[in-house]
Amino acid sequence: MNDPRIPYSRVSHAMRQLDELADDDPPSRWEWMVVRVEPGGRLILPGPARNTLGLGDGAGSVAAVCHPTSLVLGRDASVDRVRCRVDARGRLRIPVWLRRDDPATLLVGTDPTNSVVVVANTRVLDAVGDSLVVGEER
């Protein structure tokens, strides 16, 4: 019978090896979620994304930078960025080019350290999948 006071890593060779592997991998700074866009073209930002943007449970506006495959949101109110309105339910209107699939499913990534939220079409994963499976890069 195992003694609960002795860590598994001292008893099992396999557990020791797993412990050694775990020490080498730094924690990810990103938290990713998959979210479906509402029929009206609005995305309900998940709780972690609202918290990262400093919105909590209320309405507000955030700075946005548009890219061909994503929308980057942040608290920074620089004049060179577009302001996007988030309503009291945490909904954000998504540009048509980002929700072109029907039904539109998007990735929402949060980086609380830098107060950044990335909204991207799930098609960005196609290139990752191709490079992992076939070794191709797009």
C-alpha atoms as a PDB file:
ATOM      1  CA  MET A   1       0.000   0.000   0.000  1.00  0.00           C
ATOM      2  CA  ASN A   2       1.241   3.499  -0.847  1.00  0.00           C
ATOM      3  CA  ASP A   3       2.067   5.858   1.955  1.00  0.00           C
ATOM      4  CA  PRO A   4       0.329   9.220   1.186  1.00  0.00           C
ATOM      5  CA  ARG A   5       3.165  11.073   2.903  1.00  0.00           C
ATOM      6  CA  ILE A   6       5.692   9.901   0.263  1.00  0.00           C
ATOM      7  CA  PRO A   7       5.451  11.688  -3.108  1.00  0.00           C
ATOM      8  CA  TYR A   8       4.863   9.408  -6.095  1.00  0.00           C
ATOM      9  CA  SER A   9       8.075  10.685  -7.689  1.00  0.00           C
ATOM     10  CA  ARG A  10      10.080   8.951  -4.950  1.00  0.00           C
ATOM     11  CA  VAL A  11       8.287   5.623  -5.462  1.00  0.00           C
ATOM     12  CA  SER A  12       7.740   5.360  -9.225  1.00  0.00           C
ATOM     13  CA  HIS A  13      10.418   5.658 -11.912  1.00  0.00           C
ATOM     14  CA  ALA A  14       7.775   6.736 -14.475  1.00  0.00           C
ATOM     15  CA  MET A  15       6.497   9.495 -12.185  1.00  0.00           C
ATOM     16  CA  ARG A  16      10.069  10.741 -11.682  1.00  0.00           C
ATOM     17  CA  GLN A  17      10.458  11.007 -15.451  1.00  0.00           C
ATOM     18  CA  LEU A  18       7.184  12.937 -15.750  1.00  0.00           C
ATOM     19  CA  ASP A  19       8.280  15.322 -13.008  1.00  0.00           C
ATOM     20  CA  GLU A  20      11.528  15.995 -14.881  1.00  0.00           C
ATOM     21  CA  LEU A  21       9.601  16.789 -18.094  1.00  0.00           C
ATOM     22  CA  ALA A  22       7.213  19.134 -16.321  1.00  0.00           C
ATOM     23  CA  ASP A  23      10.039  21.329 -15.018  1.00  0.00           C
ATOM     24  CA  ASP A  24      11.281  22.167 -18.539  1.00  0.00           C
ATOM     25  CA  ASP A  25       8.023  23.557 -19.907  1.00  0.00           C
ATOM     26  CA  PRO A  26       7.268  27.148 -18.862  1.00  0.00           C
ATOM     27  CA  PRO A  27       3.598  27.987 -18.340  1.00  0.00           C
ATOM     28  CA  SER A  28       1.786  29.475 -21.311  1.00  0.00           C
ATOM     29  CA  ARG A  29       0.867  33.122 -21.024  1.00  0.00           C
ATOM     30  CA  TRP A  30      -2.163  32.605 -23.314  1.00  0.00           C
ATOM     31  CA  GLU A  31      -5.564  31.167 -22.496  1.00  0.00           C
ATOM     32  CA  TRP A  32      -7.551  30.072 -25.580  1.00  0.00           C
ATOM     33  CA  MET A  33     -11.289  29.592 -26.030  1.00  0.00           C
ATOM     34  CA  VAL A  34     -13.452  28.670 -29.030  1.00  0.00           C
ATOM     35  CA  VAL A  35     -16.565  30.841 -29.350  1.00  0.00           C
ATOM     36  CA  ARG A  36     -19.420  30.901 -31.856  1.00  0.00           C
ATOM     37  CA  VAL A  37     -20.585  34.240 -33.279  1.00  0.00           C
ATOM     38  CA  GLU A  38     -24.265  35.109 -32.790  1.00  0.00           C
ATOM     39  CA  PRO A  39     -26.418  35.288 -35.968  1.00  0.00           C
ATOM     40  CA  GLY A  40     -26.414  39.109 -35.766  1.00  0.00           C
ATOM     41  CA  GLY A  41     -22.614  39.217 -36.036  1.00  0.00           C
ATOM     42  CA  ARG A  42     -21.848  39.782 -32.369  1.00  0.00           C
ATOM     43  CA  LEU A  43     -19.451  37.803 -30.248  1.00  0.00           C
ATOM     44  CA  ILE A  44     -20.014  37.394 -26.525  1.00  0.00           C
ATOM     45  CA  LEU A  45     -16.564  37.843 -25.041  1.00  0.00           C
ATOM     46  CA  PRO A  46     -15.774  35.088 -22.521  1.00  0.00           C
ATOM     47  CA  GLY A  47     -15.239  36.139 -18.896  1.00  0.00           C
ATOM     48  CA  PRO A  48     -11.422  35.889 -19.025  1.00  0.00           C
ATOM     49  CA  ALA A  49     -11.376  38.180 -22.087  1.00  0.00           C
ATOM     50  CA  ARG A  50     -13.621  40.768 -20.409  1.00  0.00           C
ATOM     51  CA  ASN A  51     -11.429  40.673 -17.289  1.00  0.00           C
ATOM     52  CA  THR A  52      -8.253  41.061 -19.357  1.00  0.00           C
ATOM     53  CA  LEU A  53      -9.738  44.142 -21.032  1.00  0.00           C
ATOM     54  CA  GLY A  54     -10.794  45.588 -17.676  1.00  0.00           C
ATOM     55  CA  LEU A  55     -14.509  45.400 -18.482  1.00  0.00           C
ATOM     56  CA  GLY A  56     -15.616  42.996 -15.754  1.00  0.00           C
ATOM     57  CA  ASP A  57     -19.406  42.717 -15.972  1.00  0.00           C
ATOM     58  CA  GLY A  58     -20.020  46.190 -17.398  1.00  0.00           C
ATOM     59  CA  ALA A  59     -20.002  47.892 -20.775  1.00  0.00           C
ATOM     60  CA  GLY A  60     -17.106  49.857 -22.172  1.00  0.00           C
ATOM     61  CA  SER A  61     -14.935  50.420 -25.181  1.00  0.00           C
ATOM     62  CA  VAL A  62     -11.624  48.880 -26.156  1.00  0.00           C
ATOM     63  CA  ALA A  63      -8.868  49.701 -28.626  1.00  0.00           C
ATOM     64  CA  ALA A  64      -8.735  47.459 -31.697  1.00  0.00           C
ATOM     65  CA  VAL A  65      -6.171  46.736 -34.398  1.00  0.00           C
ATOM     66  CA  CYS A  66      -7.405  44.844 -37.483  1.00  0.00           C
ATOM     67  CA  HIS A  67      -5.281  42.249 -39.267  1.00  0.00           C
ATOM     68  CA  PRO A  68      -6.273  40.059 -42.250  1.00  0.00           C
ATOM     69  CA  THR A  69      -6.767  37.023 -39.996  1.00  0.00           C
ATOM     70  CA  SER A  70      -7.471  38.541 -36.601  1.00  0.00           C
ATOM     71  CA  LEU A  71      -8.633  41.396 -34.436  1.00  0.00           C
ATOM     72  CA  VAL A  72      -6.354  42.464 -31.578  1.00  0.00           C
ATOM     73  CA  LEU A  73      -8.085  44.161 -28.644  1.00  0.00           C
ATOM     74  CA  GLY A  74      -6.514  46.009 -25.761  1.00  0.00           C
ATOM     75  CA  ARG A  75      -7.011  48.669 -23.122  1.00  0.00           C
ATOM     76  CA  ASP A  76      -4.546  51.033 -24.789  1.00  0.00           C
ATOM     77  CA  ALA A  77      -6.353  54.164 -25.961  1.00  0.00           C
ATOM     78  CA  SER A  78      -3.805  55.294 -28.553  1.00  0.00           C
ATOM     79  CA  VAL A  79      -5.135  57.602 -31.225  1.00  0.00           C
ATOM     80  CA  ASP A  80      -3.991  55.300 -34.065  1.00  0.00           C
ATOM     81  CA  ARG A  81      -6.353  52.544 -32.975  1.00  0.00           C
ATOM     82  CA  VAL A  82     -10.043  52.091 -33.644  1.00  0.00           C
ATOM     83  CA  ARG A  83     -12.360  52.070 -30.615  1.00  0.00           C
ATOM     84  CA  CYS A  84     -14.830  49.171 -30.363  1.00  0.00           C
ATOM     85  CA  ARG A  85     -17.882  49.240 -28.128  1.00  0.00           C
ATOM     86  CA  VAL A  86     -18.662  46.300 -25.840  1.00  0.00           C
ATOM     87  CA  ASP A  87     -22.212  46.252 -24.452  1.00  0.00           C
ATOM     88  CA  ALA A  88     -23.283  45.342 -20.910  1.00  0.00           C
ATOM     89  CA  ARG A  89     -23.631  41.650 -21.886  1.00  0.00           C
ATOM     90  CA  GLY A  90     -20.027  41.585 -23.106  1.00  0.00           C
ATOM     91  CA  ARG A  91     -20.973  41.522 -26.801  1.00  0.00           C
ATOM     92  CA  LEU A  92     -18.675  42.917 -29.471  1.00  0.00           C
ATOM     93  CA  ARG A  93     -19.614  43.393 -33.141  1.00  0.00           C
ATOM     94  CA  ILE A  94     -17.261  41.336 -35.300  1.00  0.00           C
ATOM     95  CA  PRO A  95     -16.208  42.524 -38.792  1.00  0.00           C
ATOM     96  CA  VAL A  96     -17.769  40.596 -41.698  1.00  0.00           C
ATOM     97  CA  TRP A  97     -14.404  39.446 -43.067  1.00  0.00           C
ATOM     98  CA  LEU A  98     -13.625  37.721 -39.762  1.00  0.00           C
ATOM     99  CA  ARG A  99     -16.942  35.836 -39.583  1.00  0.00           C
ATOM    100  CA  ARG A 100     -17.160  34.708 -43.210  1.00  0.00           C
ATOM    101  CA  ASP A 101     -17.801  31.051 -42.323  1.00  0.00           C
ATOM    102  CA  ASP A 102     -21.345  29.945 -41.543  1.00  0.00           C
ATOM    103  CA  PRO A 103     -21.660  29.400 -38.626  1.00  0.00           C
ATOM    104  CA  ALA A 104     -18.688  31.540 -37.682  1.00  0.00           C
ATOM    105  CA  THR A 105     -16.497  30.016 -35.007  1.00  0.00           C
ATOM    106  CA  LEU A 106     -13.667  32.111 -33.635  1.00  0.00           C
ATOM    107  CA  LEU A 107     -10.671  31.627 -31.378  1.00  0.00           C
ATOM    108  CA  VAL A 108     -10.406  34.060 -28.486  1.00  0.00           C
ATOM    109  CA  GLY A 109      -7.018  34.239 -26.818  1.00  0.00           C
ATOM    110  CA  THR A 110      -6.252  36.248 -23.711  1.00  0.00           C
ATOM    111  CA  ASP A 111      -2.877  37.429 -22.451  1.00  0.00           C
ATOM    112  CA  PRO A 112      -3.586  39.038 -19.051  1.00  0.00           C
ATOM    113  CA  THR A 113       0.066  39.977 -18.573  1.00  0.00           C
ATOM    114  CA  ASN A 114      -0.061  42.395 -21.520  1.00  0.00           C
ATOM    115  CA  SER A 115      -3.818  43.172 -21.329  1.00  0.00           C
ATOM    116  CA  VAL A 116      -4.351  41.853 -24.869  1.00  0.00           C
ATOM    117  CA  VAL A 117      -7.154  39.796 -26.406  1.00  0.00           C
ATOM    118  CA  VAL A 118      -6.855  38.230 -29.876  1.00  0.00           C
ATOM    119  CA  VAL A 119      -9.946  37.226 -31.863  1.00  0.00           C
ATOM    120  CA  ALA A 120      -9.134  35.063 -34.897  1.00  0.00           C
ATOM    121  CA  ASN A 121     -10.978  32.855 -37.345  1.00  0.00           C
ATOM    122  CA  THR A 122     -10.377  29.144 -36.696  1.00  0.00           C
ATOM    123  CA  ARG A 123      -8.858  28.927 -40.188  1.00  0.00           C
ATOM    124  CA  VAL A 124      -5.583  30.161 -38.682  1.00  0.00           C
ATOM    125  CA  LEU A 125      -5.269  26.636 -37.288  1.00  0.00           C
ATOM    126  CA  ASP A 126      -5.214  25.164 -40.816  1.00  0.00           C
ATOM    127  CA  ALA A 127      -1.619  26.294 -41.359  1.00  0.00           C
ATOM    128  CA  VAL A 128      -0.618  24.940 -37.957  1.00  0.00           C
ATOM    129  CA  GLY A 129      -2.264  21.597 -38.701  1.00  0.00           C
ATOM    130  CA  ASP A 130      -0.608  21.387 -42.128  1.00  0.00           C
ATOM    131  CA  SER A 131       2.831  22.081 -40.696  1.00  0.00           C
ATOM    132  CA  LEU A 132       2.375  19.508 -37.926  1.00  0.00           C
ATOM    133  CA  VAL A 133       0.977  16.711 -40.097  1.00  0.00           C
ATOM    134  CA  VAL A 134       2.591  17.190 -43.480  1.00  0.00           C
ATOM    135  CA  GLY A 135       5.511  19.455 -42.669  1.00  0.00           C
ATOM    136  CA  GLU A 136       4.208  22.158 -45.013  1.00  0.00           C
ATOM    137  CA  GLU A 137       4.205  25.868 -44.343  1.00  0.00           C
ATOM    138  CA  ARG A 138       1.753  28.240 -45.977  1.00  0.00           C
END
